[in-house]
Amino acid sequence: MPHIALDNDLPGISGLMAHRPDTGGPLGDLANALLRAPSSPAPGERELIAAHVSRLNGTEFCASSHGAFAAAQPAGDQEPVGAVLADPGTAPVSGRLRALLSVAAEIQSAARRDDA
């Protein structure tokens, strides 16, 4: 059950962004800057990290979306995406990416704690 009544049938965050273009536009720009702008790690690696964190958050739509974007990048492959989502510790990725996945998981875990 959604907490915000939407005027569209778009799935996930895309529905919220379309519902409120005044805030959705800047959020889309931020996502593009974080996930696709020229930088290191490569866009496919950043999407893979986003898929992993989304899986940890229990947001399967987001995990699937980010995983699909990761696989669609040059040299992308569904095998590493599925392997990372199943067990990043044994996935066929570089040591650098494995370390980034671990850091992302630590941040995700710390952000979800209720220390109040």
N, C-alpha and C. Protein backbone atom coordinates (compact mmCIF):
# COMPACT_ATOMS: atom_id res chain seq x y z
N MET A 1 0.86 -1.18 0.00
CA MET A 1 0.00 0.00 0.00
C MET A 1 0.90 1.23 0.00
N PRO A 2 0.80 2.10 -1.04
CA PRO A 2 1.64 3.30 -1.08
C PRO A 2 1.21 4.30 -0.02
N HIS A 3 2.17 5.08 0.42
CA HIS A 3 1.90 6.12 1.41
C HIS A 3 1.54 7.44 0.75
N ILE A 4 1.81 7.56 -0.54
CA ILE A 4 1.51 8.77 -1.30
C ILE A 4 0.62 8.37 -2.46
N ALA A 5 -0.52 9.01 -2.59
CA ALA A 5 -1.41 8.73 -3.71
C ALA A 5 -0.81 9.32 -4.97
N LEU A 6 -0.56 8.47 -5.96
CA LEU A 6 0.05 8.91 -7.21
C LEU A 6 -1.00 9.03 -8.30
N ASP A 7 -0.71 9.87 -9.28
CA ASP A 7 -1.61 10.04 -10.42
C ASP A 7 -1.09 9.30 -11.65
N ASN A 8 -0.30 8.25 -11.43
CA ASN A 8 0.24 7.45 -12.54
C ASN A 8 0.43 6.02 -12.06
N ASP A 9 0.72 5.14 -13.00
CA ASP A 9 0.94 3.73 -12.67
C ASP A 9 2.39 3.31 -12.84
N LEU A 10 3.31 4.25 -12.84
CA LEU A 10 4.72 3.93 -13.02
C LEU A 10 5.26 3.21 -11.79
N PRO A 11 6.13 2.24 -11.97
CA PRO A 11 6.64 1.47 -10.83
C PRO A 11 7.75 2.20 -10.07
N GLY A 12 7.86 1.86 -8.81
CA GLY A 12 8.98 2.32 -7.99
C GLY A 12 9.11 3.83 -7.93
N ILE A 13 10.35 4.26 -7.79
CA ILE A 13 10.63 5.69 -7.64
C ILE A 13 10.28 6.48 -8.89
N SER A 14 10.22 5.82 -10.05
CA SER A 14 9.87 6.55 -11.27
C SER A 14 8.46 7.15 -11.17
N GLY A 15 7.55 6.48 -10.48
CA GLY A 15 6.22 7.02 -10.27
C GLY A 15 6.23 8.27 -9.41
N LEU A 16 7.04 8.25 -8.36
CA LEU A 16 7.17 9.44 -7.50
C LEU A 16 7.81 10.59 -8.25
N MET A 17 8.82 10.28 -9.04
CA MET A 17 9.52 11.35 -9.77
C MET A 17 8.61 11.98 -10.82
N ALA A 18 7.78 11.18 -11.49
CA ALA A 18 6.85 11.72 -12.47
C ALA A 18 5.72 12.51 -11.79
N HIS A 19 5.33 12.08 -10.61
CA HIS A 19 4.26 12.74 -9.86
C HIS A 19 4.66 14.15 -9.43
N ARG A 20 5.92 14.31 -9.08
CA ARG A 20 6.42 15.61 -8.61
C ARG A 20 7.65 16.01 -9.43
N PRO A 21 7.47 16.49 -10.66
CA PRO A 21 8.61 16.84 -11.50
C PRO A 21 9.49 17.95 -10.90
N ASP A 22 8.91 18.77 -10.03
CA ASP A 22 9.71 19.83 -9.41
C ASP A 22 10.80 19.27 -8.52
N THR A 23 10.54 18.16 -7.86
CA THR A 23 11.57 17.51 -7.06
C THR A 23 12.15 16.30 -7.77
N GLY A 24 11.36 15.66 -8.62
CA GLY A 24 11.83 14.48 -9.36
C GLY A 24 12.94 14.82 -10.33
N GLY A 25 12.85 15.97 -10.98
CA GLY A 25 13.90 16.38 -11.93
C GLY A 25 15.26 16.49 -11.26
N PRO A 26 15.37 17.26 -10.17
CA PRO A 26 16.67 17.34 -9.49
C PRO A 26 17.15 16.00 -8.94
N LEU A 27 16.23 15.15 -8.46
CA LEU A 27 16.64 13.84 -7.98
C LEU A 27 17.17 12.98 -9.13
N GLY A 28 16.53 13.07 -10.28
CA GLY A 28 17.01 12.36 -11.46
C GLY A 28 18.39 12.84 -11.88
N ASP A 29 18.59 14.17 -11.81
CA ASP A 29 19.91 14.73 -12.14
C ASP A 29 20.96 14.21 -11.17
N LEU A 30 20.62 14.14 -9.88
CA LEU A 30 21.55 13.63 -8.88
C LEU A 30 21.89 12.16 -9.16
N ALA A 31 20.87 11.36 -9.45
CA ALA A 31 21.11 9.94 -9.75
C ALA A 31 22.01 9.79 -10.97
N ASN A 32 21.77 10.59 -12.00
CA ASN A 32 22.63 10.53 -13.19
C ASN A 32 24.06 10.91 -12.87
N ALA A 33 24.24 11.94 -12.05
CA ALA A 33 25.59 12.35 -11.67
C ALA A 33 26.29 11.26 -10.87
N LEU A 34 25.57 10.64 -9.96
CA LEU A 34 26.18 9.62 -9.10
C LEU A 34 26.43 8.31 -9.84
N LEU A 35 25.53 7.94 -10.74
CA LEU A 35 25.59 6.61 -11.34
C LEU A 35 26.17 6.58 -12.76
N ARG A 36 26.08 7.68 -13.49
CA ARG A 36 26.45 7.60 -14.90
C ARG A 36 27.48 8.62 -15.38
N ALA A 37 27.76 9.64 -14.61
CA ALA A 37 28.73 10.65 -15.04
C ALA A 37 30.13 10.04 -15.12
N PRO A 38 30.98 10.60 -15.98
CA PRO A 38 32.35 10.08 -16.06
C PRO A 38 33.03 10.15 -14.69
N SER A 39 33.50 9.03 -14.23
CA SER A 39 34.13 8.93 -12.92
C SER A 39 34.64 7.52 -12.76
N SER A 40 35.31 7.29 -11.66
CA SER A 40 35.71 5.96 -11.28
C SER A 40 35.04 5.70 -9.94
N PRO A 41 34.44 4.57 -9.77
CA PRO A 41 34.30 3.38 -10.61
C PRO A 41 33.43 3.65 -11.83
N ALA A 42 33.47 2.72 -12.77
CA ALA A 42 32.70 2.81 -14.00
C ALA A 42 31.20 2.76 -13.70
N PRO A 43 30.37 3.29 -14.60
CA PRO A 43 28.92 3.27 -14.36
C PRO A 43 28.36 1.88 -14.06
N GLY A 44 28.82 0.85 -14.73
CA GLY A 44 28.33 -0.49 -14.44
C GLY A 44 28.65 -0.94 -13.03
N GLU A 45 29.85 -0.58 -12.55
CA GLU A 45 30.22 -0.92 -11.17
C GLU A 45 29.38 -0.15 -10.18
N ARG A 46 29.11 1.13 -10.46
CA ARG A 46 28.28 1.93 -9.55
C ARG A 46 26.85 1.39 -9.51
N GLU A 47 26.35 0.96 -10.67
CA GLU A 47 25.00 0.37 -10.71
C GLU A 47 24.98 -0.95 -9.93
N LEU A 48 26.07 -1.71 -10.02
CA LEU A 48 26.15 -2.97 -9.28
C LEU A 48 26.16 -2.72 -7.78
N ILE A 49 26.87 -1.70 -7.34
CA ILE A 49 26.86 -1.32 -5.92
C ILE A 49 25.45 -0.89 -5.50
N ALA A 50 24.79 -0.11 -6.35
CA ALA A 50 23.42 0.32 -6.05
C ALA A 50 22.48 -0.87 -5.98
N ALA A 51 22.66 -1.85 -6.86
CA ALA A 51 21.83 -3.06 -6.83
C ALA A 51 22.04 -3.81 -5.51
N HIS A 52 23.30 -3.92 -5.10
CA HIS A 52 23.62 -4.63 -3.85
C HIS A 52 22.98 -3.93 -2.65
N VAL A 53 23.12 -2.61 -2.57
CA VAL A 53 22.54 -1.86 -1.44
C VAL A 53 21.02 -1.94 -1.49
N SER A 54 20.45 -1.88 -2.68
CA SER A 54 19.00 -2.01 -2.80
C SER A 54 18.52 -3.37 -2.31
N ARG A 55 19.27 -4.41 -2.63
CA ARG A 55 18.93 -5.75 -2.14
C ARG A 55 19.00 -5.78 -0.62
N LEU A 56 20.04 -5.19 -0.04
CA LEU A 56 20.17 -5.13 1.42
C LEU A 56 19.01 -4.36 2.04
N ASN A 57 18.52 -3.34 1.33
CA ASN A 57 17.40 -2.55 1.82
C ASN A 57 16.06 -3.27 1.65
N GLY A 58 16.07 -4.39 0.93
CA GLY A 58 14.83 -5.12 0.69
C GLY A 58 13.96 -4.48 -0.37
N THR A 59 14.55 -3.68 -1.25
CA THR A 59 13.79 -3.03 -2.32
C THR A 59 14.11 -3.75 -3.62
N GLU A 60 13.36 -4.81 -3.89
CA GLU A 60 13.63 -5.68 -5.03
C GLU A 60 13.47 -4.98 -6.37
N PHE A 61 12.50 -4.08 -6.49
CA PHE A 61 12.36 -3.34 -7.75
C PHE A 61 13.63 -2.57 -8.04
N CYS A 62 14.16 -1.88 -7.03
CA CYS A 62 15.38 -1.09 -7.22
C CYS A 62 16.58 -2.00 -7.49
N ALA A 63 16.68 -3.10 -6.77
CA ALA A 63 17.79 -4.04 -6.99
C ALA A 63 17.75 -4.57 -8.42
N SER A 64 16.57 -4.92 -8.89
CA SER A 64 16.43 -5.43 -10.26
C SER A 64 16.74 -4.35 -11.29
N SER A 65 16.26 -3.14 -11.04
CA SER A 65 16.51 -2.04 -11.98
C SER A 65 17.99 -1.72 -12.08
N HIS A 66 18.64 -1.56 -10.93
CA HIS A 66 20.07 -1.26 -10.94
C HIS A 66 20.86 -2.43 -11.53
N GLY A 67 20.45 -3.65 -11.22
CA GLY A 67 21.11 -4.82 -11.79
C GLY A 67 21.00 -4.86 -13.31
N ALA A 68 19.82 -4.51 -13.83
CA ALA A 68 19.64 -4.48 -15.28
C ALA A 68 20.50 -3.40 -15.93
N PHE A 69 20.60 -2.23 -15.30
CA PHE A 69 21.46 -1.18 -15.82
C PHE A 69 22.92 -1.61 -15.78
N ALA A 70 23.32 -2.29 -14.71
CA ALA A 70 24.71 -2.77 -14.61
C ALA A 70 25.01 -3.75 -15.74
N ALA A 71 24.09 -4.67 -15.99
CA ALA A 71 24.31 -5.68 -17.03
C ALA A 71 24.29 -5.07 -18.42
N ALA A 72 23.61 -3.94 -18.59
CA ALA A 72 23.50 -3.30 -19.90
C ALA A 72 24.72 -2.44 -20.26
N GLN A 73 25.61 -2.22 -19.31
CA GLN A 73 26.79 -1.40 -19.57
C GLN A 73 27.78 -2.18 -20.44
N PRO A 74 28.67 -1.46 -21.14
CA PRO A 74 29.71 -2.17 -21.90
C PRO A 74 30.45 -3.14 -20.99
N ALA A 75 30.65 -4.34 -21.48
CA ALA A 75 31.27 -5.43 -20.72
C ALA A 75 30.40 -5.89 -19.56
N GLY A 76 29.13 -5.45 -19.53
CA GLY A 76 28.22 -5.89 -18.47
C GLY A 76 27.77 -7.32 -18.72
N ASP A 77 27.35 -7.96 -17.66
CA ASP A 77 26.98 -9.37 -17.74
C ASP A 77 26.00 -9.68 -16.61
N GLN A 78 24.99 -10.48 -16.90
CA GLN A 78 24.04 -10.87 -15.86
C GLN A 78 24.68 -11.76 -14.81
N GLU A 79 25.70 -12.55 -15.19
CA GLU A 79 26.32 -13.47 -14.23
C GLU A 79 26.89 -12.75 -13.02
N PRO A 80 27.76 -11.71 -13.21
CA PRO A 80 28.25 -11.01 -12.02
C PRO A 80 27.14 -10.33 -11.23
N VAL A 81 26.11 -9.83 -11.91
CA VAL A 81 25.01 -9.18 -11.20
C VAL A 81 24.35 -10.19 -10.27
N GLY A 82 23.97 -11.34 -10.80
CA GLY A 82 23.34 -12.36 -9.98
C GLY A 82 24.24 -12.86 -8.87
N ALA A 83 25.53 -13.00 -9.19
CA ALA A 83 26.49 -13.47 -8.19
C ALA A 83 26.67 -12.46 -7.07
N VAL A 84 26.74 -11.17 -7.42
CA VAL A 84 26.88 -10.14 -6.38
C VAL A 84 25.64 -10.11 -5.50
N LEU A 85 24.46 -10.19 -6.12
CA LEU A 85 23.24 -10.16 -5.32
C LEU A 85 23.10 -11.39 -4.44
N ALA A 86 23.66 -12.52 -4.88
CA ALA A 86 23.59 -13.74 -4.08
C ALA A 86 24.63 -13.74 -2.96
N ASP A 87 25.88 -13.38 -3.29
CA ASP A 87 26.97 -13.39 -2.31
C ASP A 87 28.14 -12.59 -2.85
N PRO A 88 28.23 -11.30 -2.50
CA PRO A 88 29.30 -10.47 -3.03
C PRO A 88 30.69 -10.96 -2.64
N GLY A 89 30.79 -11.71 -1.57
CA GLY A 89 32.08 -12.22 -1.13
C GLY A 89 32.69 -13.25 -2.06
N THR A 90 31.86 -13.93 -2.85
CA THR A 90 32.36 -14.95 -3.76
C THR A 90 32.08 -14.60 -5.23
N ALA A 91 31.50 -13.44 -5.49
CA ALA A 91 31.16 -13.05 -6.86
C ALA A 91 32.43 -12.84 -7.68
N PRO A 92 32.36 -13.11 -9.00
CA PRO A 92 33.52 -12.95 -9.87
C PRO A 92 33.74 -11.48 -10.25
N VAL A 93 34.16 -10.68 -9.27
CA VAL A 93 34.45 -9.26 -9.48
C VAL A 93 35.85 -8.96 -8.97
N SER A 94 36.37 -7.80 -9.34
CA SER A 94 37.72 -7.41 -8.91
C SER A 94 37.76 -7.23 -7.39
N GLY A 95 38.96 -7.30 -6.85
CA GLY A 95 39.14 -7.07 -5.42
C GLY A 95 38.70 -5.67 -5.03
N ARG A 96 38.96 -4.71 -5.91
CA ARG A 96 38.56 -3.32 -5.64
C ARG A 96 37.04 -3.22 -5.53
N LEU A 97 36.32 -3.81 -6.48
CA LEU A 97 34.86 -3.75 -6.44
C LEU A 97 34.33 -4.52 -5.24
N ARG A 98 34.94 -5.65 -4.91
CA ARG A 98 34.51 -6.41 -3.73
C ARG A 98 34.65 -5.54 -2.47
N ALA A 99 35.76 -4.79 -2.38
CA ALA A 99 35.96 -3.89 -1.23
C ALA A 99 34.91 -2.79 -1.20
N LEU A 100 34.59 -2.22 -2.37
CA LEU A 100 33.56 -1.17 -2.43
C LEU A 100 32.19 -1.72 -2.04
N LEU A 101 31.88 -2.93 -2.46
CA LEU A 101 30.62 -3.56 -2.07
C LEU A 101 30.56 -3.75 -0.55
N SER A 102 31.69 -4.13 0.03
CA SER A 102 31.76 -4.32 1.48
C SER A 102 31.56 -3.00 2.22
N VAL A 103 32.21 -1.95 1.74
CA VAL A 103 32.06 -0.63 2.36
C VAL A 103 30.61 -0.17 2.24
N ALA A 104 30.02 -0.34 1.06
CA ALA A 104 28.62 0.06 0.86
C ALA A 104 27.70 -0.69 1.83
N ALA A 105 27.96 -1.98 2.04
CA ALA A 105 27.15 -2.77 2.96
C ALA A 105 27.32 -2.28 4.40
N GLU A 106 28.53 -1.92 4.77
CA GLU A 106 28.77 -1.38 6.12
C GLU A 106 28.02 -0.07 6.32
N ILE A 107 28.06 0.81 5.33
CA ILE A 107 27.36 2.09 5.42
C ILE A 107 25.86 1.86 5.49
N GLN A 108 25.36 0.96 4.66
CA GLN A 108 23.93 0.65 4.67
C GLN A 108 23.50 0.13 6.04
N SER A 109 24.30 -0.75 6.61
CA SER A 109 23.98 -1.32 7.91
C SER A 109 24.00 -0.26 9.00
N ALA A 110 25.02 0.60 8.97
CA ALA A 110 25.12 1.65 9.99
C ALA A 110 23.99 2.67 9.85
N ALA A 111 23.58 2.95 8.63
CA ALA A 111 22.52 3.94 8.40
C ALA A 111 21.17 3.43 8.88
N ARG A 112 21.00 2.12 8.93
CA ARG A 112 19.71 1.54 9.33
C ARG A 112 19.60 1.36 10.85
N ARG A 113 20.68 1.55 11.57
CA ARG A 113 20.64 1.37 13.03
C ARG A 113 19.81 2.46 13.66
N ASP A 114 19.12 2.11 14.70
CA ASP A 114 18.34 3.07 15.47
C ASP A 114 19.08 3.31 16.77
N ASP A 115 19.98 4.29 16.75
CA ASP A 115 20.80 4.58 17.92
C ASP A 115 20.12 5.56 18.86
N ALA A 116 18.93 6.00 18.51
CA ALA A 116 18.24 7.00 19.34
C ALA A 116 17.71 6.40 20.59
